Amino acid sequence: MAGIKSTMDLVMERAARMGMATPDEMRHEENLKKGMQATAEYLNGAKPSLLGILGEQEQSQQASIRKGMLASLLRNLFLPRDEDGSKRIERAVKGIVELNQDAPDIAALCQELQTIAAQYGQHRTQLYDQLKEQMRMQIEQMLLRKGMKADGMKIDPTMEPQFKEQWSRLEMDLDRQYGQAMEQFKAQLTAWTGA
């Protein structure tokens, strides 16, 4: 009877085996992290070329380091809210293209992705300015109804709660529309690059 194990004992032994990574799996994870760290340096401008970094690594490690690089680059594709965000996306796209030099379809997809990001930025700015002007005109009309002139006043409609509420709604809709397109491009790039 001592040789018979309960179901719970068998489940616990299997869970322990699953929790232990093999040395190869641990090296693979380590190399993925190495690739991600190198990409962070690249994105921050500390390193000029991902292929240069990859070339410095041992041949046996390059595949998993490259995969870590691509995963990190793909995470840095997002809808930019400012110039810094746009520059980061541009750098990430450049890195993806660099790591996939022999794949013109990936370069074309990256170009389309950059176009979507640029259109998002333009559309976002345009909507913001239109809402700001609309709110400014509403405030001026309200002041005129009260018998006041807005000529000498500095009116900042962006400080109004109504502006903030409407902008939040507009921005959320815009993010949803462009976000779906961005996610589709990222999924396609993930599939094509093997990241």
Protein backbone atom coordinates (compact mmCIF):
# COMPACT_ATOMS: atom_id res chain seq x y z
CA MET A 1 0.00 0.00 0.00
CA ALA A 2 2.88 2.34 0.62
CA GLY A 3 3.69 2.34 -3.13
CA ILE A 4 0.27 3.67 -4.10
CA LYS A 5 0.12 7.44 -4.42
CA SER A 6 -2.99 9.50 -4.01
CA THR A 7 -4.28 11.64 -6.86
CA MET A 8 -3.26 14.68 -4.86
CA ASP A 9 0.34 13.40 -4.56
CA LEU A 10 0.49 12.79 -8.33
CA VAL A 11 -0.92 16.27 -9.06
CA MET A 12 1.59 17.88 -6.69
CA GLU A 13 4.53 16.00 -8.27
CA ARG A 14 3.41 17.03 -11.77
CA ALA A 15 3.02 20.66 -10.69
CA ALA A 16 6.55 20.61 -9.23
CA ARG A 17 7.96 19.22 -12.48
CA MET A 18 6.13 21.85 -14.51
CA GLY A 19 7.45 24.63 -12.30
CA MET A 20 11.06 23.65 -12.91
CA ALA A 21 12.53 25.03 -16.09
CA THR A 22 15.22 23.14 -17.93
CA PRO A 23 18.62 24.82 -18.38
CA ASP A 24 17.78 25.43 -22.06
CA GLU A 25 14.50 27.11 -21.14
CA MET A 26 16.28 29.26 -18.58
CA ARG A 27 18.92 30.30 -21.16
CA HIS A 28 16.17 31.08 -23.67
CA GLU A 29 14.38 33.30 -21.12
CA GLU A 30 17.67 34.98 -20.24
CA ASN A 31 18.36 35.69 -23.90
CA LEU A 32 14.84 37.06 -24.43
CA LYS A 33 15.47 39.49 -21.57
CA LYS A 34 18.87 40.36 -23.02
CA GLY A 35 17.17 41.21 -26.33
CA MET A 36 14.57 43.34 -24.58
CA GLN A 37 17.22 45.24 -22.63
CA ALA A 38 19.24 45.86 -25.79
CA THR A 39 16.10 47.16 -27.49
CA ALA A 40 15.43 49.55 -24.62
CA GLU A 41 18.93 50.97 -25.08
CA TYR A 42 18.34 51.21 -28.83
CA LEU A 43 14.99 52.98 -28.39
CA ASN A 44 16.55 55.44 -25.97
CA GLY A 45 19.26 56.25 -28.52
CA ALA A 46 22.15 54.66 -26.62
CA LYS A 47 22.75 52.04 -29.34
CA PRO A 48 22.69 52.88 -33.07
CA SER A 49 21.85 49.45 -34.52
CA LEU A 50 20.04 46.33 -33.38
CA LEU A 51 21.83 44.21 -35.96
CA GLY A 52 25.13 45.47 -34.57
CA ILE A 53 24.09 44.39 -31.07
CA LEU A 54 22.85 41.05 -32.38
CA GLY A 55 26.10 40.48 -34.29
CA GLU A 56 28.08 40.82 -31.06
CA GLN A 57 26.22 37.87 -29.49
CA GLU A 58 27.02 34.18 -29.77
CA GLN A 59 25.42 32.52 -32.79
CA SER A 60 23.52 30.06 -30.58
CA GLN A 61 21.90 32.93 -28.65
CA GLN A 62 20.98 35.16 -31.57
CA ALA A 63 17.56 33.65 -32.37
CA SER A 64 16.15 34.11 -28.87
CA ILE A 65 17.79 37.54 -28.45
CA ARG A 66 16.26 38.61 -31.77
CA LYS A 67 12.87 37.34 -30.60
CA GLY A 68 13.20 39.40 -27.40
CA MET A 69 14.14 42.44 -29.47
CA LEU A 70 11.11 42.05 -31.71
CA ALA A 71 8.76 41.54 -28.76
CA SER A 72 10.03 44.75 -27.19
CA LEU A 73 9.80 46.68 -30.47
CA LEU A 74 6.22 45.52 -31.03
CA ARG A 75 5.27 46.67 -27.52
CA ASN A 76 6.53 50.11 -28.48
CA LEU A 77 4.03 50.51 -31.30
CA PHE A 78 1.22 52.64 -29.92
CA LEU A 79 -0.92 55.67 -30.71
CA PRO A 80 1.34 58.69 -30.12
CA ARG A 81 0.01 61.61 -28.09
CA ASP A 82 3.02 63.85 -28.59
CA GLU A 83 6.22 64.33 -30.58
CA ASP A 84 8.24 62.08 -28.25
CA GLY A 85 5.75 59.25 -28.82
CA SER A 86 5.98 59.73 -32.58
CA LYS A 87 9.78 59.56 -32.45
CA ARG A 88 9.67 56.40 -30.35
CA ILE A 89 7.33 54.71 -32.83
CA GLU A 90 9.55 55.78 -35.70
CA ARG A 91 12.57 54.27 -33.95
CA ALA A 92 10.67 51.03 -33.16
CA VAL A 93 9.55 50.69 -36.78
CA LYS A 94 13.11 51.30 -37.95
CA GLY A 95 14.28 48.51 -35.64
CA ILE A 96 11.64 46.07 -36.91
CA VAL A 97 12.61 46.80 -40.51
CA GLU A 98 16.32 46.47 -39.66
CA LEU A 99 15.80 43.05 -38.06
CA ASN A 100 13.76 41.91 -41.10
CA GLN A 101 15.83 43.38 -43.95
CA ASP A 102 15.03 40.50 -46.29
CA ALA A 103 11.26 40.96 -45.96
CA PRO A 104 9.93 43.84 -48.08
CA ASP A 105 6.36 43.01 -47.03
CA ILE A 106 7.27 43.80 -43.41
CA ALA A 107 8.78 47.12 -44.47
CA ALA A 108 5.59 47.96 -46.38
CA LEU A 109 3.42 47.00 -43.40
CA CYS A 110 5.57 49.15 -41.12
CA GLN A 111 5.17 52.08 -43.52
CA GLU A 112 1.39 51.68 -43.37
CA LEU A 113 1.55 51.52 -39.58
CA GLN A 114 3.52 54.77 -39.47
CA THR A 115 0.94 56.38 -41.76
CA ILE A 116 -1.84 55.32 -39.37
CA ALA A 117 0.08 56.74 -36.40
CA ALA A 118 0.68 60.04 -38.24
CA GLN A 119 -2.98 60.26 -39.29
CA TYR A 120 -4.00 59.63 -35.69
CA GLY A 121 -1.81 62.49 -34.50
CA GLN A 122 -3.20 64.87 -37.14
CA HIS A 123 -6.80 63.82 -36.50
CA ARG A 124 -6.33 64.17 -32.75
CA THR A 125 -4.87 67.67 -33.07
CA GLN A 126 -7.59 68.71 -35.49
CA LEU A 127 -10.39 67.47 -33.21
CA TYR A 128 -8.81 69.16 -30.19
CA ASP A 129 -8.49 72.50 -31.98
CA GLN A 130 -12.04 72.30 -33.34
CA LEU A 131 -13.48 71.56 -29.92
CA LYS A 132 -11.42 74.33 -28.36
CA GLU A 133 -12.67 76.86 -30.93
CA GLN A 134 -16.27 75.67 -30.57
CA MET A 135 -16.11 76.04 -26.78
CA ARG A 136 -14.45 79.48 -27.07
CA MET A 137 -17.29 80.67 -29.33
CA GLN A 138 -19.90 79.32 -26.90
CA ILE A 139 -18.27 81.18 -24.00
CA GLU A 140 -18.12 84.41 -26.03
CA GLN A 141 -21.82 84.08 -26.95
CA MET A 142 -22.70 83.49 -23.31
CA LEU A 143 -20.76 86.61 -22.31
CA LEU A 144 -22.51 88.65 -25.03
CA ARG A 145 -25.92 87.52 -23.75
CA LYS A 146 -24.91 88.77 -20.32
CA GLY A 147 -23.90 92.12 -21.83
CA MET A 148 -20.14 91.60 -21.56
CA LYS A 149 -17.53 91.83 -24.30
CA ALA A 150 -14.93 89.14 -24.68
CA ASP A 151 -12.52 91.31 -26.70
CA GLY A 152 -10.09 92.06 -23.89
CA MET A 153 -10.51 88.77 -22.08
CA LYS A 154 -8.20 85.82 -22.31
CA ILE A 155 -10.55 82.88 -22.72
CA ASP A 156 -9.12 79.40 -22.21
CA PRO A 157 -11.90 76.94 -22.98
CA THR A 158 -9.67 73.98 -22.11
CA MET A 159 -10.15 74.82 -18.42
CA GLU A 160 -13.91 74.32 -18.62
CA PRO A 161 -15.29 71.04 -17.22
CA GLN A 162 -17.57 70.73 -20.26
CA PHE A 163 -14.53 70.91 -22.56
CA LYS A 164 -12.70 68.25 -20.58
CA GLU A 165 -15.74 65.98 -20.63
CA GLN A 166 -16.32 66.34 -24.37
CA TRP A 167 -12.63 65.98 -25.16
CA SER A 168 -12.44 62.82 -23.07
CA ARG A 169 -15.33 61.31 -25.05
CA LEU A 170 -13.89 62.37 -28.43
CA GLU A 171 -10.44 61.10 -27.55
CA MET A 172 -11.81 57.76 -26.35
CA ASP A 173 -13.71 57.28 -29.64
CA LEU A 174 -10.65 58.25 -31.66
CA ASP A 175 -8.41 55.92 -29.65
CA ARG A 176 -10.86 53.06 -30.18
CA GLN A 177 -10.99 53.58 -33.96
CA TYR A 178 -7.28 53.95 -34.51
CA GLY A 179 -6.42 51.47 -31.76
CA GLN A 180 -8.22 48.68 -33.61
CA ALA A 181 -6.22 49.38 -36.76
CA MET A 182 -2.98 49.56 -34.76
CA GLU A 183 -3.69 46.22 -33.06
CA GLN A 184 -4.39 44.58 -36.43
CA PHE A 185 -1.06 45.80 -37.78
CA LYS A 186 0.75 44.64 -34.65
CA ALA A 187 -0.87 41.19 -34.88
CA GLN A 188 0.17 40.90 -38.52
CA LEU A 189 3.73 41.99 -37.70
CA THR A 190 3.87 39.52 -34.82
CA ALA A 191 2.82 36.72 -37.15
CA TRP A 192 5.20 37.72 -39.93
CA THR A 193 8.24 38.33 -37.75
CA GLY A 194 7.75 35.31 -35.53
CA ALA A 195 7.97 37.43 -32.39
